[in-house]
Amino acid sequence: MKRVPYEEMVAQFARVLEKKGFTASDAQDAAIIFAQNSLAGVFSHGLNRFPRVVSYLEKGEIDPAARATCVSSMGSIERWDGHRGFGPLNAKRAMDRACELAKQNGVGVVALGNNNHWMRGGTYGWLAADHGCIGICWSNTMPNMPAWGGKDRKIGNNPLIMAVPRSNGEHAMIDCAVSQFSYGKIEDCRLRGVQLPVPGGYNEKGELTTDPAEIEKTWRVLPMGYWKGSGLSIALDLIATVLTNGNSVHTIGTFGDEIGLTQIMIAIDPAKFNTVEETDAIVDAILADVKSSEPVTEGGEVYYPGELELKNIKENKELGVPVIEEVWESVLKM
């Protein structure tokens, strides 16, 4: 497998984005977000997603000069309009603001409407944790999943993120679509020529399958937990649309491409209750108990949420970031 130094990946992403209309500063910030996603092993929202985002820029569906603005505020809650700017930078600024509000009030909420795809939602949970805050955030999507009991795609696989900080930077974080697998993960498995570990959707015969290519033909992905994932998807879309008065999953489905999304950023400052040392002690004890589990397989290991990403980051910084060569070559040619 070909590996690319992290710094080279940042430089190439920044070069392309600057040519597509970003300022040098914004291009660098956005390039870091993409490269960090691949560094953490989430290739589906790093290198593999980059060409699609460039196509949106070329079609004028993302305005690289637009910045999210606050349109109303009340204490620790603010409503922002993303103006269909670049999703990751708008989302980063919104979570930064939620953390700022949390430091003032204990909790901060920024409801960000009319934004574009934020790439990896875990970016913003991790960002909150780096600020010393508990981070909770989610985004809606285009309708890409059937509601439980239905055949046609009516709901989104709306990704939900929760992060808990540790002062050593080894945060705990869960980042998951409410489908069994995100479309990015399904695409990643297809590109690598591997099957999904468990069924993730339906083939053209209406049968559950582990074949990512078959699922991509039907777009019928499976909600995680069956009816539970379906209900969670609907609830997340309801809350997000009410708080932003932005676009629901149904409305996004009328746009043609996945643009104009609705996102919620919540930050909670545990320092309002505990010292940093007390919070660390609580988190360390719980995670240590989880790590003491007896593995199902001999020689196996039980991981806490976010631990594998930390391992990926360490390995990929040392050895270089793994890339699919044809995708990387396409970026070099942009």
Protein backbone atom coordinates (compact mmCIF):
# COMPACT_ATOMS: atom_id res chain seq x y z
CA MET A 1 0.00 0.00 0.00
CA LYS A 2 1.26 3.45 -0.92
CA ARG A 3 1.74 5.89 1.96
CA VAL A 4 2.02 9.67 1.74
CA PRO A 5 3.58 11.92 4.40
CA TYR A 6 0.92 13.85 6.31
CA GLU A 7 2.56 17.22 5.55
CA GLU A 8 2.56 16.46 1.80
CA MET A 9 -1.14 15.58 1.92
CA VAL A 10 -1.92 18.90 3.65
CA ALA A 11 0.16 20.80 1.08
CA GLN A 12 -1.57 19.19 -1.92
CA PHE A 13 -5.07 19.71 -0.52
CA ALA A 14 -4.24 23.35 0.25
CA ARG A 15 -2.81 23.89 -3.24
CA VAL A 16 -5.99 22.63 -4.90
CA LEU A 17 -8.37 24.52 -2.60
CA GLU A 18 -6.53 27.79 -3.10
CA LYS A 19 -6.85 27.35 -6.87
CA LYS A 20 -10.58 26.75 -6.39
CA GLY A 21 -11.12 30.13 -4.71
CA PHE A 22 -10.11 29.75 -1.05
CA THR A 23 -7.89 32.27 0.67
CA ALA A 24 -4.49 30.87 1.59
CA SER A 25 -5.48 30.77 5.27
CA ASP A 26 -8.83 29.04 4.68
CA ALA A 27 -7.24 26.60 2.22
CA GLN A 28 -4.68 25.61 4.84
CA ASP A 29 -7.31 25.20 7.60
CA ALA A 30 -9.57 23.13 5.33
CA ALA A 31 -6.67 21.02 4.07
CA ILE A 32 -5.72 20.16 7.65
CA ILE A 33 -9.28 18.95 8.36
CA PHE A 34 -9.24 16.64 5.31
CA ALA A 35 -5.73 15.35 6.02
CA GLN A 36 -6.46 14.77 9.72
CA ASN A 37 -9.46 12.65 8.77
CA SER A 38 -7.23 10.37 6.70
CA LEU A 39 -4.53 10.49 9.40
CA ALA A 40 -7.07 9.10 11.88
CA GLY A 41 -7.93 6.30 9.46
CA VAL A 42 -11.26 7.78 8.36
CA PHE A 43 -10.31 7.77 4.66
CA SER A 44 -13.94 7.97 3.56
CA HIS A 45 -14.09 11.58 4.77
CA GLY A 46 -10.51 12.52 4.01
CA LEU A 47 -8.75 11.80 0.72
CA ASN A 48 -11.57 9.66 -0.69
CA ARG A 49 -14.12 12.47 -0.28
CA PHE A 50 -11.87 15.27 -1.52
CA PRO A 51 -12.54 14.90 -5.29
CA ARG A 52 -16.30 15.05 -4.70
CA VAL A 53 -15.96 18.28 -2.70
CA VAL A 54 -13.85 19.77 -5.50
CA SER A 55 -16.61 18.89 -7.97
CA TYR A 56 -19.12 20.76 -5.78
CA LEU A 57 -16.80 23.79 -5.81
CA GLU A 58 -16.50 23.62 -9.59
CA LYS A 59 -20.31 23.46 -9.96
CA GLY A 60 -20.72 26.50 -7.70
CA GLU A 61 -22.64 24.59 -5.04
CA ILE A 62 -20.11 25.60 -2.36
CA ASP A 63 -19.12 29.25 -2.01
CA PRO A 64 -15.52 29.27 -0.72
CA ALA A 65 -15.86 32.91 0.35
CA ALA A 66 -19.04 32.44 2.42
CA ARG A 67 -18.77 32.32 6.20
CA ALA A 68 -21.40 31.31 8.71
CA THR A 69 -22.94 34.21 10.64
CA CYS A 70 -24.97 34.41 13.83
CA VAL A 71 -28.55 35.46 13.06
CA SER A 72 -30.00 35.30 16.58
CA SER A 73 -28.81 34.57 20.10
CA MET A 74 -30.24 34.06 23.56
CA GLY A 75 -27.79 33.43 26.38
CA SER A 76 -26.02 30.15 25.73
CA ILE A 77 -27.94 29.35 22.52
CA GLU A 78 -27.27 30.83 19.08
CA ARG A 79 -28.73 30.25 15.61
CA TRP A 80 -26.32 30.55 12.68
CA ASP A 81 -26.71 30.63 8.88
CA GLY A 82 -23.95 28.83 6.98
CA HIS A 83 -24.77 30.60 3.67
CA ARG A 84 -23.83 27.34 1.92
CA GLY A 85 -20.17 28.01 2.53
CA PHE A 86 -17.50 25.39 3.04
CA GLY A 87 -19.01 22.94 5.51
CA PRO A 88 -15.97 21.92 7.58
CA LEU A 89 -14.79 25.48 8.24
CA ASN A 90 -18.28 26.68 9.13
CA ALA A 91 -18.74 23.68 11.44
CA LYS A 92 -15.37 24.29 13.09
CA ARG A 93 -16.22 27.93 13.79
CA ALA A 94 -19.64 26.93 15.14
CA MET A 95 -18.16 24.39 17.57
CA ASP A 96 -15.46 26.88 18.60
CA ARG A 97 -18.27 29.29 19.46
CA ALA A 98 -20.25 26.62 21.32
CA CYS A 99 -17.15 25.96 23.46
CA GLU A 100 -16.72 29.68 24.08
CA LEU A 101 -20.33 29.88 25.27
CA ALA A 102 -19.80 26.78 27.44
CA LYS A 103 -16.79 28.38 29.14
CA GLN A 104 -19.04 31.36 29.99
CA ASN A 105 -22.29 29.59 30.86
CA GLY A 106 -21.49 25.93 31.43
CA VAL A 107 -23.17 24.92 28.18
CA GLY A 108 -23.15 26.34 24.66
CA VAL A 109 -25.38 25.44 21.72
CA VAL A 110 -24.94 26.63 18.15
CA ALA A 111 -27.65 25.59 15.69
CA LEU A 112 -26.08 25.86 12.23
CA GLY A 113 -28.46 25.85 9.26
CA ASN A 114 -27.89 26.12 5.52
CA ASN A 115 -24.36 24.69 5.75
CA ASN A 116 -22.69 22.17 3.47
CA HIS A 117 -21.31 18.72 4.25
CA TRP A 118 -19.02 18.84 7.28
CA MET A 119 -17.01 15.75 6.22
CA ARG A 120 -16.18 13.77 9.42
CA GLY A 121 -18.40 14.74 12.31
CA GLY A 122 -15.79 13.45 14.74
CA THR A 123 -13.63 16.45 13.83
CA TYR A 124 -15.92 18.70 15.86
CA GLY A 125 -16.39 16.33 18.79
CA TRP A 126 -12.61 16.05 19.05
CA LEU A 127 -12.31 19.83 18.73
CA ALA A 128 -14.65 20.31 21.70
CA ALA A 129 -12.62 17.79 23.73
CA ASP A 130 -9.42 19.65 22.84
CA HIS A 131 -11.10 22.73 24.36
CA GLY A 132 -11.70 20.68 27.52
CA CYS A 133 -15.42 20.35 26.80
CA ILE A 134 -17.80 17.47 26.37
CA GLY A 135 -18.92 17.69 22.74
CA ILE A 136 -22.23 16.52 21.28
CA CYS A 137 -23.03 17.24 17.65
CA TRP A 138 -24.92 15.89 14.70
CA SER A 139 -25.84 16.66 11.11
CA ASN A 140 -28.73 15.70 8.92
CA THR A 141 -28.19 14.44 5.37
CA MET A 142 -30.03 13.89 2.14
CA PRO A 143 -32.71 11.13 2.36
CA ASN A 144 -30.51 8.06 1.94
CA MET A 145 -32.13 5.40 4.14
CA PRO A 146 -35.59 3.84 4.38
CA ALA A 147 -37.54 4.39 7.57
CA TRP A 148 -38.04 1.06 9.34
CA GLY A 149 -40.74 -0.90 7.52
CA GLY A 150 -40.42 1.18 4.34
CA LYS A 151 -38.68 0.61 0.99
CA ASP A 152 -38.09 4.12 -0.33
CA ARG A 153 -35.48 6.46 1.14
CA LYS A 154 -37.19 8.99 3.40
CA ILE A 155 -34.73 9.55 6.27
CA GLY A 156 -31.03 10.36 6.66
CA ASN A 157 -28.25 8.32 8.22
CA ASN A 158 -27.64 11.47 10.29
CA PRO A 159 -24.22 11.13 12.01
CA LEU A 160 -24.16 11.56 15.79
CA ILE A 161 -20.99 12.35 17.77
CA MET A 162 -20.25 12.40 21.50
CA ALA A 163 -16.80 13.19 22.89
CA VAL A 164 -15.44 13.28 26.46
CA PRO A 165 -12.16 15.08 27.15
CA ARG A 166 -9.00 13.88 28.88
CA SER A 167 -6.25 16.36 29.64
CA ASN A 168 -3.61 14.11 28.00
CA GLY A 169 -5.45 14.45 24.66
CA GLU A 170 -6.48 10.77 24.58
CA HIS A 171 -10.16 11.62 24.44
CA ALA A 172 -13.03 9.15 24.26
CA MET A 173 -15.31 9.72 21.28
CA ILE A 174 -18.06 7.90 19.44
CA ASP A 175 -18.72 9.05 15.87
CA CYS A 176 -21.37 7.06 14.07
CA ALA A 177 -23.95 7.34 11.35
CA VAL A 178 -27.32 5.99 12.44
CA SER A 179 -27.14 3.54 9.57
CA GLN A 180 -25.25 0.32 10.27
CA PHE A 181 -22.46 1.74 8.05
CA SER A 182 -22.02 5.23 6.63
CA TYR A 183 -21.96 5.59 2.85
CA GLY A 184 -18.34 6.66 3.20
CA LYS A 185 -17.48 3.38 4.94
CA ILE A 186 -19.40 1.40 2.31
CA GLU A 187 -17.50 3.22 -0.45
CA ASP A 188 -14.19 2.65 1.35
CA CYS A 189 -14.84 -1.11 1.56
CA ARG A 190 -15.77 -1.24 -2.13
CA LEU A 191 -12.63 0.64 -3.14
CA ARG A 192 -10.51 -1.75 -1.05
CA GLY A 193 -12.34 -4.78 -2.42
CA VAL A 194 -13.53 -6.12 0.93
CA GLN A 195 -16.91 -7.19 2.27
CA LEU A 196 -18.63 -5.50 5.19
CA PRO A 197 -18.17 -7.41 8.46
CA VAL A 198 -21.96 -7.68 8.97
CA PRO A 199 -24.94 -6.96 6.69
CA GLY A 200 -25.23 -3.25 5.97
CA GLY A 201 -28.07 -2.93 3.49
CA TYR A 202 -30.16 -4.57 0.79
CA ASN A 203 -29.37 -5.85 -2.70
CA GLU A 204 -31.64 -5.55 -5.74
CA LYS A 205 -33.54 -8.68 -4.63
CA GLY A 206 -34.45 -7.05 -1.32
CA GLU A 207 -32.07 -9.32 0.60
CA LEU A 208 -29.65 -8.20 3.30
CA THR A 209 -26.05 -8.24 2.04
CA THR A 210 -22.46 -7.58 3.09
CA ASP A 211 -21.46 -6.61 -0.49
CA PRO A 212 -20.80 -2.84 -0.57
CA ALA A 213 -21.22 -2.65 -4.36
CA GLU A 214 -24.66 -4.27 -4.16
CA ILE A 215 -25.76 -1.81 -1.48
CA GLU A 216 -24.56 1.13 -3.58
CA LYS A 217 -26.80 -0.07 -6.43
CA THR A 218 -29.95 0.16 -4.29
CA TRP A 219 -29.02 2.88 -1.77
CA ARG A 220 -31.07 0.88 0.71
CA VAL A 221 -28.81 0.98 3.76
CA LEU A 222 -29.84 -0.63 7.03
CA PRO A 223 -30.61 1.53 10.08
CA MET A 224 -28.44 0.53 13.04
CA GLY A 225 -30.54 -1.32 15.57
CA TYR A 226 -33.26 -1.60 12.92
CA TRP A 227 -36.24 0.44 14.24
CA LYS A 228 -34.07 2.14 16.89
CA GLY A 229 -31.74 3.67 14.30
CA SER A 230 -34.74 4.72 12.23
CA GLY A 231 -36.38 6.47 15.18
CA LEU A 232 -33.13 8.13 16.23
CA SER A 233 -32.63 9.46 12.70
CA ILE A 234 -36.08 11.03 12.65
CA ALA A 235 -35.65 12.57 16.13
CA LEU A 236 -32.27 14.10 15.24
CA ASP A 237 -33.72 15.65 12.08
CA LEU A 238 -36.71 17.03 13.99
CA ILE A 239 -34.57 18.67 16.71
CA ALA A 240 -32.05 20.10 14.24
CA THR A 241 -34.71 21.56 11.94
CA VAL A 242 -36.68 23.08 14.82
CA LEU A 243 -33.59 24.75 16.33
CA THR A 244 -32.28 26.13 13.03
CA ASN A 245 -35.48 26.58 11.02
CA GLY A 246 -33.18 25.23 8.31
CA ASN A 247 -33.51 22.40 5.83
CA SER A 248 -34.96 19.04 6.85
CA VAL A 249 -33.84 15.76 5.31
CA HIS A 250 -36.90 15.90 3.04
CA THR A 251 -36.04 19.41 1.81
CA ILE A 252 -32.38 18.53 1.20
CA GLY A 253 -33.61 15.69 -0.99
CA THR A 254 -35.08 18.24 -3.44
CA PHE A 255 -31.70 19.95 -4.08
CA GLY A 256 -30.09 17.33 -6.32
CA ASP A 257 -26.85 17.23 -4.34
CA GLU A 258 -26.14 16.98 -0.61
CA ILE A 259 -25.96 20.68 0.20
CA GLY A 260 -27.68 23.11 2.59
CA LEU A 261 -27.41 20.74 5.57
CA THR A 262 -28.48 21.35 9.16
CA GLN A 263 -26.06 20.79 12.07
CA ILE A 264 -26.16 21.14 15.85
CA MET A 265 -23.10 21.83 18.04
CA ILE A 266 -23.37 21.38 21.80
CA ALA A 267 -20.48 21.94 24.22
CA ILE A 268 -20.56 21.35 28.00
CA ASP A 269 -17.75 22.52 30.29
CA PRO A 270 -17.14 19.86 32.98
CA ALA A 271 -14.84 22.31 34.78
CA LYS A 272 -17.98 23.99 36.08
CA PHE A 273 -18.50 20.87 38.25
CA ASN A 274 -15.09 19.20 38.60
CA THR A 275 -11.41 20.04 38.54
CA VAL A 276 -9.58 18.74 35.47
CA GLU A 277 -7.97 16.11 37.70
CA GLU A 278 -11.37 14.92 38.96
CA THR A 279 -12.73 14.61 35.43
CA ASP A 280 -9.61 12.71 34.34
CA ALA A 281 -9.95 10.33 37.29
CA ILE A 282 -13.61 9.59 36.47
CA VAL A 283 -12.92 8.99 32.77
CA ASP A 284 -9.74 6.98 33.40
CA ALA A 285 -11.50 4.67 35.87
CA ILE A 286 -14.42 3.92 33.54
CA LEU A 287 -12.20 3.31 30.51
CA ALA A 288 -9.81 1.15 32.53
CA ASP A 289 -12.74 -1.02 33.57
CA VAL A 290 -13.81 -1.39 29.95
CA LYS A 291 -10.23 -2.25 28.93
CA SER A 292 -10.13 -4.99 31.59
CA SER A 293 -12.80 -6.96 29.70
CA GLU A 294 -11.97 -10.54 28.79
CA PRO A 295 -11.64 -10.59 24.98
CA VAL A 296 -13.90 -12.90 22.98
CA THR A 297 -10.94 -14.09 20.89
CA GLU A 298 -7.63 -15.21 22.34
CA GLY A 299 -5.07 -12.42 22.09
CA GLY A 300 -7.80 -9.91 21.21
CA GLU A 301 -8.30 -6.50 22.76
CA VAL A 302 -11.32 -4.44 23.75
CA TYR A 303 -11.09 -0.80 22.66
CA TYR A 304 -12.84 2.23 24.05
CA PRO A 305 -14.44 4.61 21.51
CA GLY A 306 -11.76 6.75 19.88
CA GLU A 307 -8.83 4.52 20.88
CA LEU A 308 -8.32 3.01 17.43
CA GLU A 309 -8.17 6.49 15.91
CA LEU A 310 -5.41 7.41 18.37
CA LYS A 311 -3.47 4.31 17.29
CA ASN A 312 -3.99 5.19 13.61
CA ILE A 313 -2.78 8.75 14.14
CA LYS A 314 0.43 7.57 15.81
CA GLU A 315 1.16 4.95 13.13
CA ASN A 316 0.29 7.15 10.16
CA LYS A 317 2.40 10.05 11.43
CA GLU A 318 5.38 7.73 11.61
CA LEU A 319 4.86 5.72 8.41
CA GLY A 320 2.78 8.05 6.25
CA VAL A 321 -0.95 8.09 5.49
CA PRO A 322 -2.23 5.09 3.45
CA VAL A 323 -3.84 6.16 0.17
CA ILE A 324 -5.69 4.56 -2.72
CA GLU A 325 -3.23 5.37 -5.48
CA GLU A 326 -5.72 6.33 -8.20
CA VAL A 327 -7.50 8.76 -5.85
CA TRP A 328 -4.22 10.32 -4.74
CA GLU A 329 -3.04 10.62 -8.35
CA SER A 330 -6.29 12.40 -9.26
CA VAL A 331 -5.55 15.01 -6.57
CA LEU A 332 -2.00 15.52 -7.81
CA LYS A 333 -3.38 16.20 -11.30
CA MET A 334 -5.97 18.77 -10.15
